[in-house]
């Protein structure tokens, strides 16, 4: 078996084909990355996911404006992975049925792909008369949604099965991110029965199932979080008993106890991922000078949790205790500017962090305590915003 790394990059402008997916092979001796091949530079590949069996890779194209036409919906692309060398072969692509698809999840059985369309901050200004006959200004925001697609036996995208529009009252604690519903993450429980969606715009977590027979989302519940948290990511512990939600507007990770029988979540703890003086207060401080986390990952053995903090550019490290609560083990420099995404190889030996603003991937070795230790190695990557790893070998 060998470890392969896939990165996704945004386009620097609609006119430039400088994005796409980059494939690397890991050197197991020191964790360094050897570039193998680049794919689809015309795609703004803002998120990548790999199927449970390691045979297929899916990515989004987040671009909204193209040189030949002003606006378009996003799309989702399917690729077959050659397990001998990690190379990709395009299968097909399909509309995401929304704007700016930014997160994907594949069911464990490989039959469905779930996506969220973030929408955008673009506003349509219209006028209308109220019940008194007075003219009022109306602000209309682009639709955001969670979509479900069936997958073919060859891993290709089949068809849209269900779409649930995101609804709710936006928090407006940070106006730019919270002026409308904005689902930012979708995840699936280890038992393949529960779906989580983090709505950053409305400060809530959506919990639901998926009815395979009826081909639609089902048993939908909503869990509000404190105003101004701005949940960006959610992740299950491998044992399926805990859910961790990461705030972006304010730097907190919230630990929930999860009951797989009732599909209920109970908050157990919340922890700061940065210093208190780095918390955005909604008023005096500039948001982009404060800490706003970007990614959350759990060590393959389930003992450590990691959070990337943009702003201070740090990795917050937490030990996961037996009851699922967290103990902070410290914060270390991410060795780049604007850490956006990270991944850990399947053996739990190395961590890779994509930095969007320094156009680099920094490489860390994980010591016996699970603490990242910088190796001194970096890899250049322009506009990188996603990174995933997988171990491959002949079937």
Protein backbone atom coordinates (compact mmCIF):
# COMPACT_ATOMS: atom_id res chain seq x y z
CA UNK A 1 0.00 0.00 0.00
CA UNK A 2 1.10 3.56 -0.71
CA UNK A 3 -0.29 6.89 0.45
CA UNK A 4 -1.59 9.40 -2.08
CA UNK A 5 -2.60 13.00 -1.51
CA UNK A 6 -5.15 14.97 -3.55
CA UNK A 7 -5.45 18.75 -3.33
CA UNK A 8 -8.13 21.07 -4.65
CA UNK A 9 -7.55 24.69 -5.67
CA UNK A 10 -9.72 27.67 -6.50
CA UNK A 11 -9.29 29.66 -9.68
CA UNK A 12 -7.52 32.98 -9.14
CA UNK A 13 -9.96 34.58 -11.62
CA UNK A 14 -12.75 33.37 -13.93
CA UNK A 15 -10.49 33.83 -16.95
CA UNK A 16 -7.59 31.68 -15.70
CA UNK A 17 -7.42 27.89 -15.78
CA UNK A 18 -5.05 27.65 -12.83
CA UNK A 19 -7.00 25.53 -10.35
CA UNK A 20 -8.18 21.90 -10.38
CA UNK A 21 -6.91 18.76 -8.64
CA UNK A 22 -3.25 17.92 -7.97
CA UNK A 23 -2.15 14.35 -7.21
CA UNK A 24 0.90 13.62 -5.04
CA UNK A 25 2.58 10.42 -3.90
CA UNK A 26 3.86 10.37 -0.32
CA UNK A 27 7.44 9.46 0.51
CA UNK A 28 6.92 7.22 3.59
CA UNK A 29 10.43 7.91 4.89
CA UNK A 30 9.96 11.62 5.58
CA UNK A 31 6.41 12.47 4.49
CA UNK A 32 7.46 14.63 1.55
CA UNK A 33 5.23 14.78 -1.52
CA UNK A 34 6.13 14.02 -5.12
CA UNK A 35 3.84 15.66 -7.67
CA UNK A 36 2.34 13.07 -10.04
CA UNK A 37 -0.27 14.76 -12.22
CA UNK A 38 -2.68 17.69 -12.39
CA UNK A 39 -6.31 17.40 -13.50
CA UNK A 40 -9.01 19.77 -14.73
CA UNK A 41 -7.30 23.15 -14.13
CA UNK A 42 -10.50 24.86 -15.28
CA UNK A 43 -12.38 23.63 -12.18
CA UNK A 44 -12.58 25.61 -8.94
CA UNK A 45 -12.17 22.40 -6.96
CA UNK A 46 -13.06 23.81 -3.54
CA UNK A 47 -13.82 20.44 -1.96
CA UNK A 48 -12.85 16.82 -2.60
CA UNK A 49 -14.14 13.58 -1.11
CA UNK A 50 -13.14 9.96 -1.66
CA UNK A 51 -15.50 6.97 -1.52
CA UNK A 52 -15.24 4.52 1.37
CA UNK A 53 -13.78 1.81 -0.88
CA UNK A 54 -11.15 4.18 -2.28
CA UNK A 55 -12.27 3.63 -5.87
CA UNK A 56 -13.83 7.01 -6.66
CA UNK A 57 -13.11 10.69 -6.10
CA UNK A 58 -15.68 13.46 -6.26
CA UNK A 59 -15.13 17.19 -6.44
CA UNK A 60 -17.15 20.36 -6.83
CA UNK A 61 -16.74 23.23 -9.26
CA UNK A 62 -17.57 26.30 -7.19
CA UNK A 63 -17.17 28.87 -9.94
CA UNK A 64 -20.20 31.02 -10.62
CA UNK A 65 -18.97 33.34 -13.36
CA UNK A 66 -17.31 32.17 -16.57
CA UNK A 67 -15.67 34.27 -19.28
CA UNK A 68 -18.32 33.30 -21.85
CA UNK A 69 -21.35 33.88 -19.62
CA UNK A 70 -21.91 35.77 -16.41
CA UNK A 71 -23.56 33.26 -14.14
CA UNK A 72 -24.12 29.53 -13.84
CA UNK A 73 -24.95 26.95 -11.20
CA UNK A 74 -22.21 24.85 -9.65
CA UNK A 75 -21.40 21.28 -10.64
CA UNK A 76 -20.14 18.00 -9.18
CA UNK A 77 -17.59 15.79 -10.92
CA UNK A 78 -16.87 12.06 -10.55
CA UNK A 79 -13.53 10.34 -11.21
CA UNK A 80 -12.35 6.74 -11.05
CA UNK A 81 -9.15 6.22 -9.04
CA UNK A 82 -6.57 3.81 -10.43
CA UNK A 83 -5.61 1.98 -7.25
CA UNK A 84 -2.19 1.10 -8.66
CA UNK A 85 -0.91 4.68 -8.90
CA UNK A 86 -3.68 7.04 -7.73
CA UNK A 87 -4.27 8.55 -11.16
CA UNK A 88 -7.75 9.77 -12.08
CA UNK A 89 -10.06 9.16 -15.02
CA UNK A 90 -13.14 11.34 -15.41
CA UNK A 91 -16.47 9.48 -15.31
CA UNK A 92 -19.05 12.27 -15.62
CA UNK A 93 -20.39 15.44 -14.04
CA UNK A 94 -23.79 16.86 -13.10
CA UNK A 95 -25.29 20.15 -11.97
CA UNK A 96 -25.24 20.71 -8.21
CA UNK A 97 -28.68 22.35 -8.56
CA UNK A 98 -27.44 25.39 -6.70
CA UNK A 99 -24.77 28.05 -6.32
CA UNK A 100 -21.31 27.45 -4.86
CA UNK A 101 -21.45 23.77 -3.85
CA UNK A 102 -18.82 23.60 -1.14
CA UNK A 103 -19.03 20.24 0.62
CA UNK A 104 -19.66 16.60 -0.34
CA UNK A 105 -20.13 13.31 1.49
CA UNK A 106 -20.48 9.79 0.06
CA UNK A 107 -22.60 7.22 1.87
CA UNK A 108 -20.67 4.25 3.24
CA UNK A 109 -22.55 1.89 0.92
CA UNK A 110 -21.46 3.96 -2.10
CA UNK A 111 -25.00 4.46 -3.39
CA UNK A 112 -25.53 8.14 -2.62
CA UNK A 113 -23.65 11.40 -2.64
CA UNK A 114 -24.82 14.31 -0.51
CA UNK A 115 -23.91 17.93 -1.20
CA UNK A 116 -24.58 21.39 0.17
CA UNK A 117 -24.95 24.48 -1.99
CA UNK A 118 -23.72 27.42 0.05
CA UNK A 119 -25.48 30.08 -1.98
CA UNK A 120 -23.69 33.43 -2.06
CA UNK A 121 -23.61 36.88 -0.53
CA UNK A 122 -25.00 38.37 -3.74
CA UNK A 123 -28.21 40.33 -3.14
CA UNK A 124 -31.04 41.16 -5.52
CA UNK A 125 -32.61 44.53 -4.69
CA UNK A 126 -36.31 44.86 -5.52
CA UNK A 127 -39.16 47.10 -4.48
CA UNK A 128 -42.65 46.17 -3.37
CA UNK A 129 -45.72 47.82 -1.85
CA UNK A 130 -46.67 46.84 1.67
CA UNK A 131 -50.22 46.46 2.98
CA UNK A 132 -50.39 50.23 3.49
CA UNK A 133 -49.50 50.90 -0.12
CA UNK A 134 -46.05 52.18 0.82
CA UNK A 135 -43.03 51.28 -1.30
CA UNK A 136 -40.41 49.19 0.50
CA UNK A 137 -37.03 47.83 -0.50
CA UNK A 138 -36.78 44.05 -0.55
CA UNK A 139 -33.48 42.16 -0.31
CA UNK A 140 -33.47 38.71 -1.94
CA UNK A 141 -30.60 36.29 -1.39
CA UNK A 142 -29.63 33.38 -3.59
CA UNK A 143 -31.03 30.01 -2.61
CA UNK A 144 -28.90 27.60 -0.59
CA UNK A 145 -29.70 23.91 -0.17
CA UNK A 146 -28.76 20.35 0.68
CA UNK A 147 -28.98 17.94 -2.25
CA UNK A 148 -28.97 14.14 -2.55
CA UNK A 149 -27.78 12.28 -5.65
CA UNK A 150 -27.89 8.61 -6.54
CA UNK A 151 -24.66 7.01 -7.74
CA UNK A 152 -24.22 4.45 -10.51
CA UNK A 153 -22.43 1.14 -10.05
CA UNK A 154 -19.43 2.55 -11.92
CA UNK A 155 -19.19 5.40 -9.40
CA UNK A 156 -20.68 7.95 -11.76
CA UNK A 157 -23.29 10.51 -10.75
CA UNK A 158 -26.78 9.30 -11.64
CA UNK A 159 -29.50 11.84 -10.82
CA UNK A 160 -30.79 14.28 -8.24
CA UNK A 161 -33.09 12.44 -5.81
CA UNK A 162 -33.95 15.16 -3.31
CA UNK A 163 -33.23 18.82 -2.59
CA UNK A 164 -34.07 20.62 0.62
CA UNK A 165 -33.87 24.39 0.56
CA UNK A 166 -32.08 25.96 3.51
CA UNK A 167 -34.45 28.10 5.54
CA UNK A 168 -34.31 30.01 8.78
CA UNK A 169 -33.60 33.36 10.36
CA UNK A 170 -30.03 34.52 9.70
CA UNK A 171 -28.06 35.49 12.80
CA UNK A 172 -26.38 38.60 11.32
CA UNK A 173 -23.72 38.59 14.04
CA UNK A 174 -21.18 38.83 11.23
CA UNK A 175 -23.23 40.27 8.39
CA UNK A 176 -21.09 39.03 5.51
CA UNK A 177 -21.31 35.36 6.56
CA UNK A 178 -24.69 35.46 8.29
CA UNK A 179 -27.07 37.52 6.16
CA UNK A 180 -28.89 34.41 4.88
CA UNK A 181 -28.92 30.63 5.44
CA UNK A 182 -25.52 29.22 4.44
CA UNK A 183 -25.01 25.45 4.84
CA UNK A 184 -21.27 24.89 4.90
CA UNK A 185 -20.72 21.22 5.70
CA UNK A 186 -22.44 17.86 5.36
CA UNK A 187 -21.33 14.71 7.14
CA UNK A 188 -22.48 11.11 7.57
CA UNK A 189 -22.41 9.04 10.75
CA UNK A 190 -20.20 5.92 10.94
CA UNK A 191 -23.31 3.71 10.84
CA UNK A 192 -24.40 5.43 7.59
CA UNK A 193 -27.76 6.40 9.10
CA UNK A 194 -27.46 10.04 10.13
CA UNK A 195 -26.63 13.19 8.18
CA UNK A 196 -25.34 16.40 9.76
CA UNK A 197 -25.39 19.83 8.13
CA UNK A 198 -23.77 22.93 9.63
CA UNK A 199 -25.65 26.11 8.71
CA UNK A 200 -23.22 28.95 9.30
CA UNK A 201 -25.71 31.66 8.38
CA UNK A 202 -28.42 30.66 10.87
CA UNK A 203 -26.22 29.33 13.70
CA UNK A 204 -27.70 25.84 13.73
CA UNK A 205 -27.01 22.18 13.06
CA UNK A 206 -29.47 20.20 10.95
CA UNK A 207 -29.76 16.50 11.77
CA UNK A 208 -31.66 14.09 9.55
CA UNK A 209 -31.83 10.67 8.01
CA UNK A 210 -32.19 9.65 4.38
CA UNK A 211 -35.06 7.41 3.33
CA UNK A 212 -33.59 5.21 0.58
CA UNK A 213 -36.99 3.85 -0.42
CA UNK A 214 -38.70 7.24 -0.67
CA UNK A 215 -35.48 8.87 -1.95
CA UNK A 216 -35.71 11.90 0.30
CA UNK A 217 -34.35 13.45 3.50
CA UNK A 218 -36.34 12.36 6.55
CA UNK A 219 -36.75 12.79 10.30
CA UNK A 220 -35.31 16.30 10.29
CA UNK A 221 -34.27 18.01 13.54
CA UNK A 222 -32.53 21.32 14.16
CA UNK A 223 -30.13 22.19 16.97
CA UNK A 224 -29.40 25.88 17.50
CA UNK A 225 -25.95 26.99 18.62
CA UNK A 226 -25.14 30.28 20.32
CA UNK A 227 -25.57 33.35 18.13
CA UNK A 228 -22.32 34.27 16.46
CA UNK A 229 -20.66 30.84 16.56
CA UNK A 230 -21.12 30.42 12.81
CA UNK A 231 -20.77 26.60 12.55
CA UNK A 232 -18.52 25.75 9.61
CA UNK A 233 -17.68 22.06 10.07
CA UNK A 234 -19.03 19.02 11.86
CA UNK A 235 -17.35 15.67 12.32
CA UNK A 236 -18.22 12.34 13.96
CA UNK A 237 -15.86 10.51 16.26
CA UNK A 238 -15.02 7.10 14.71
CA UNK A 239 -16.92 5.34 17.52
CA UNK A 240 -20.12 7.13 16.45
CA UNK A 241 -20.92 8.37 19.97
CA UNK A 242 -19.69 11.95 19.69
CA UNK A 243 -20.14 14.84 17.26
CA UNK A 244 -17.79 17.82 17.17
CA UNK A 245 -18.96 21.11 15.66
CA UNK A 246 -16.48 23.82 14.71
CA UNK A 247 -17.39 27.50 14.77
CA UNK A 248 -15.92 29.88 12.23
CA UNK A 249 -17.25 33.29 13.23
CA UNK A 250 -16.14 32.62 16.79
CA UNK A 251 -13.36 30.08 17.50
CA UNK A 252 -15.09 27.33 19.46
CA UNK A 253 -15.34 23.57 19.08
CA UNK A 254 -18.51 22.13 20.63
CA UNK A 255 -18.68 18.49 21.74
CA UNK A 256 -22.06 16.71 21.56
CA UNK A 257 -23.05 13.30 22.89
CA UNK A 258 -24.88 11.45 20.10
CA UNK A 259 -27.41 8.66 20.57
CA UNK A 260 -27.64 6.57 17.40
CA UNK A 261 -30.98 5.05 18.48
CA UNK A 262 -32.83 8.33 19.00
CA UNK A 263 -30.61 10.48 16.73
CA UNK A 264 -30.53 13.06 19.50
CA UNK A 265 -27.53 15.22 20.39
CA UNK A 266 -26.73 16.75 23.78
CA UNK A 267 -24.06 19.40 24.21
CA UNK A 268 -21.39 18.31 26.70
CA UNK A 269 -18.63 20.90 26.30
CA UNK A 270 -17.34 23.83 24.32
CA UNK A 271 -13.68 24.79 24.04
CA UNK A 272 -11.88 27.81 22.67
CA UNK A 273 -9.49 27.03 19.84
CA UNK A 274 -7.62 30.34 20.15
CA UNK A 275 -6.84 33.02 22.76
CA UNK A 276 -9.74 35.02 24.20
CA UNK A 277 -8.40 38.28 22.77
CA UNK A 278 -8.65 36.71 19.30
CA UNK A 279 -12.44 36.23 19.51
CA UNK A 280 -14.53 38.38 17.17
CA UNK A 281 -16.99 40.41 19.25
CA UNK A 282 -19.24 41.54 16.41
CA UNK A 283 -18.45 45.19 16.92
CA UNK A 284 -15.03 46.63 17.60
CA UNK A 285 -12.63 44.15 16.09
CA UNK A 286 -12.04 43.44 12.44
CA UNK A 287 -13.21 39.91 11.71
CA UNK A 288 -10.25 39.04 9.52
CA UNK A 289 -7.79 40.07 12.24
CA UNK A 290 -9.42 37.63 14.67
CA UNK A 291 -9.26 33.85 14.84
CA UNK A 292 -11.74 32.13 12.57
CA UNK A 293 -11.22 28.37 12.26
CA UNK A 294 -11.29 26.61 8.91
CA UNK A 295 -11.01 22.84 9.42
CA UNK A 296 -11.31 20.08 12.00
CA UNK A 297 -9.82 16.57 11.86
CA UNK A 298 -9.62 13.55 14.16
CA UNK A 299 -6.57 11.27 14.38
CA UNK A 300 -7.27 7.84 12.80
CA UNK A 301 -7.00 6.16 16.22
CA UNK A 302 -9.61 8.54 17.67
CA UNK A 303 -7.36 9.94 20.43
CA UNK A 304 -6.69 13.49 19.18
CA UNK A 305 -8.68 16.30 17.55
CA UNK A 306 -7.10 19.14 15.57
CA UNK A 307 -8.43 22.57 14.54
CA UNK A 308 -6.90 25.02 12.08
CA UNK A 309 -7.10 28.69 13.08
CA UNK A 310 -6.83 31.32 10.37
CA UNK A 311 -5.70 34.70 11.68
CA UNK A 312 -3.20 33.48 14.29
CA UNK A 313 -2.29 30.68 11.82
CA UNK A 314 -2.16 27.90 14.38
CA UNK A 315 -3.11 24.27 14.95
CA UNK A 316 -5.12 23.76 18.14
CA UNK A 317 -4.52 20.27 19.52
CA UNK A 318 -6.99 18.50 21.82
CA UNK A 319 -6.82 15.12 23.50
CA UNK A 320 -10.11 13.21 23.24
CA UNK A 321 -10.86 11.74 26.65
CA UNK A 322 -12.73 8.49 27.23
CA UNK A 323 -16.04 10.30 27.73
CA UNK A 324 -15.57 12.21 24.45
CA UNK A 325 -14.77 15.57 26.03
CA UNK A 326 -11.65 17.47 25.04
CA UNK A 327 -8.48 18.51 26.85
CA UNK A 328 -6.39 21.22 25.21
CA UNK A 329 -2.80 20.12 24.59
CA UNK A 330 -1.67 23.46 23.18
CA UNK A 331 -1.47 25.42 19.95
CA UNK A 332 1.42 25.41 17.52
CA UNK A 333 2.30 27.44 14.42
CA UNK A 334 0.89 26.02 11.18
CA UNK A 335 4.00 27.17 9.27
CA UNK A 336 2.10 29.13 6.66
CA UNK A 337 -0.44 31.89 6.11
CA UNK A 338 -4.19 31.24 6.23
CA UNK A 339 -4.38 27.48 6.96
CA UNK A 340 -7.49 26.27 5.13
CA UNK A 341 -7.58 22.48 5.11
CA UNK A 342 -5.67 19.55 6.58
CA UNK A 343 -5.48 15.79 6.28
CA UNK A 344 -3.76 12.95 8.13
CA UNK A 345 -2.45 9.83 6.40
CA UNK A 346 -4.22 6.58 7.26
CA UNK A 347 -1.35 5.35 9.43
CA UNK A 348 -1.52 8.50 11.57
CA UNK A 349 2.11 9.37 10.87
CA UNK A 350 1.91 12.66 8.95
CA UNK A 351 -0.33 15.73 8.79
CA UNK A 352 -0.56 17.98 5.73
CA UNK A 353 -1.87 21.55 5.93
CA UNK A 354 -2.90 23.64 2.92
CA UNK A 355 -2.26 27.39 3.31
CA UNK A 356 -4.22 29.48 0.84
CA UNK A 357 -2.43 32.81 1.25
CA UNK A 358 1.13 31.48 1.31
CA UNK A 359 0.41 29.03 -1.55
CA UNK A 360 1.93 26.09 0.28
CA UNK A 361 1.41 22.73 1.94
CA UNK A 362 3.30 22.34 5.23
CA UNK A 363 4.22 18.84 6.39
CA UNK A 364 4.14 17.70 10.02
CA UNK A 365 5.12 14.44 11.67
CA UNK A 366 2.80 13.30 14.47
CA UNK A 367 4.74 12.21 17.55
CA UNK A 368 3.71 9.36 19.87
CA UNK A 369 1.41 11.76 21.75
CA UNK A 370 -0.25 12.86 18.51
CA UNK A 371 1.29 16.34 18.60
CA UNK A 372 2.30 17.76 15.17
CA UNK A 373 6.04 18.36 14.79
CA UNK A 374 7.09 20.41 11.76
CA UNK A 375 9.38 18.45 9.45
CA UNK A 376 10.84 21.51 7.74
CA UNK A 377 9.34 20.40 4.43
CA UNK A 378 6.82 22.32 2.33
CA UNK A 379 5.27 21.89 -1.11
CA UNK A 380 4.15 24.75 -3.35
CA UNK A 381 0.43 24.87 -4.17
CA UNK A 382 -1.37 27.87 -5.62
CA UNK A 383 -4.78 28.81 -4.15
CA UNK A 384 -5.13 25.50 -2.31
CA UNK A 385 -8.29 25.10 -0.22
CA UNK A 386 -8.74 21.33 0.20
CA UNK A 387 -6.53 18.31 0.83
CA UNK A 388 -7.39 14.61 1.20
CA UNK A 389 -5.30 11.47 1.65
CA UNK A 390 -5.90 7.80 0.98
CA UNK A 391 -3.92 4.56 1.02
CA UNK A 392 -4.04 2.64 -2.25
CA UNK A 393 -2.81 -0.67 -3.57
CA UNK A 394 -3.81 -3.39 -6.04
CA UNK A 395 -7.24 -4.87 -5.35
